[in-house]
Amino acid sequence: MTLYHFQIIDPSGLRRDVRSAQYPDMDAVWEQIAVIAGARDAEGRQIRVTNEAGGIVVLVGVSTARRLHSLRAA
């Protein structure tokens, strides 16, 4: 399992930590991204996910994350 850190980045560049947790694979990471993207206050923002080493593994806009989730669910 790998430790991932999730942040919301608003249009001004302000970063807010959402959560840090261990996940077994990227499918589980994307499920958490879908949860974060579903929040009402997430619109217009980006979601950044970093790994234990601090490397960015996902950087996606909330609208794109919502669309990707709907496509994966279909």
Protein backbone atom coordinates (compact mmCIF):
# COMPACT_ATOMS: atom_id res chain seq x y z
CA MET A 1 0.00 0.00 0.00
CA THR A 2 1.15 3.49 -0.80
CA LEU A 3 0.46 6.65 1.17
CA TYR A 4 -1.24 9.36 -0.91
CA HIS A 5 -1.93 12.99 -0.01
CA PHE A 6 -4.97 14.75 -1.53
CA GLN A 7 -5.23 18.52 -1.91
CA ILE A 8 -7.75 20.93 -3.40
CA ILE A 9 -6.21 23.86 -5.28
CA ASP A 10 -8.43 26.89 -5.84
CA PRO A 11 -8.08 29.22 -8.86
CA SER A 12 -5.85 31.62 -6.90
CA GLY A 13 -3.39 28.78 -6.15
CA LEU A 14 -4.34 28.34 -2.49
CA ARG A 15 -3.92 24.70 -1.45
CA ARG A 16 -6.05 22.94 1.13
CA ASP A 17 -5.17 19.48 2.42
CA VAL A 18 -8.15 17.16 2.20
CA ARG A 19 -6.79 13.86 3.45
CA SER A 20 -3.86 11.49 3.54
CA ALA A 21 -4.43 7.76 3.40
CA GLN A 22 -2.96 4.50 2.15
CA TYR A 23 -4.48 2.91 -0.95
CA PRO A 24 -3.67 -0.40 -2.62
CA ASP A 25 -3.83 0.86 -6.22
CA MET A 26 -4.73 3.75 -8.52
CA ASP A 27 -8.33 2.55 -8.87
CA ALA A 28 -8.82 3.25 -5.17
CA VAL A 29 -7.11 6.64 -5.56
CA TRP A 30 -9.49 7.56 -8.39
CA GLU A 31 -12.48 6.55 -6.25
CA GLN A 32 -11.30 9.00 -3.58
CA ILE A 33 -10.83 11.67 -6.24
CA ALA A 34 -14.46 11.11 -7.28
CA VAL A 35 -15.59 11.63 -3.68
CA ILE A 36 -13.62 14.87 -3.40
CA ALA A 37 -14.87 16.09 -6.80
CA GLY A 38 -18.45 15.48 -5.70
CA ALA A 39 -18.28 18.12 -2.96
CA ARG A 40 -20.40 21.21 -3.66
CA ASP A 41 -17.54 23.61 -2.93
CA ALA A 42 -15.11 21.84 -5.28
CA GLU A 43 -16.37 23.41 -8.54
CA GLY A 44 -13.69 25.38 -10.41
CA ARG A 45 -10.84 23.84 -8.48
CA GLN A 46 -8.17 21.22 -9.10
CA ILE A 47 -7.37 18.06 -7.18
CA ARG A 48 -3.73 17.20 -6.66
CA VAL A 49 -2.58 13.82 -5.39
CA THR A 50 1.00 13.21 -4.34
CA ASN A 51 2.73 10.01 -3.27
CA GLU A 52 4.95 9.34 -0.26
CA ALA A 53 7.96 10.87 -2.00
CA GLY A 54 6.05 14.07 -2.78
CA GLY A 55 5.74 13.36 -6.50
CA ILE A 56 2.52 14.37 -8.22
CA VAL A 57 0.65 11.29 -9.41
CA VAL A 58 -2.61 13.01 -10.40
CA LEU A 59 -3.45 16.63 -11.14
CA VAL A 60 -6.96 17.01 -12.48
CA GLY A 61 -9.68 19.62 -12.63
CA VAL A 62 -12.84 18.85 -10.69
CA SER A 63 -15.04 18.99 -13.81
CA THR A 64 -12.74 16.55 -15.60
CA ALA A 65 -12.64 14.25 -12.57
CA ARG A 66 -16.45 14.19 -12.46
CA ARG A 67 -16.64 13.38 -16.16
CA LEU A 68 -14.01 10.64 -15.92
CA HIS A 69 -15.85 9.09 -13.00
CA SER A 70 -19.13 9.06 -14.91
CA LEU A 71 -17.41 7.40 -17.88
CA ARG A 72 -15.80 4.77 -15.67
CA ALA A 73 -19.13 4.03 -13.99
CA ALA A 74 -20.90 3.51 -17.32
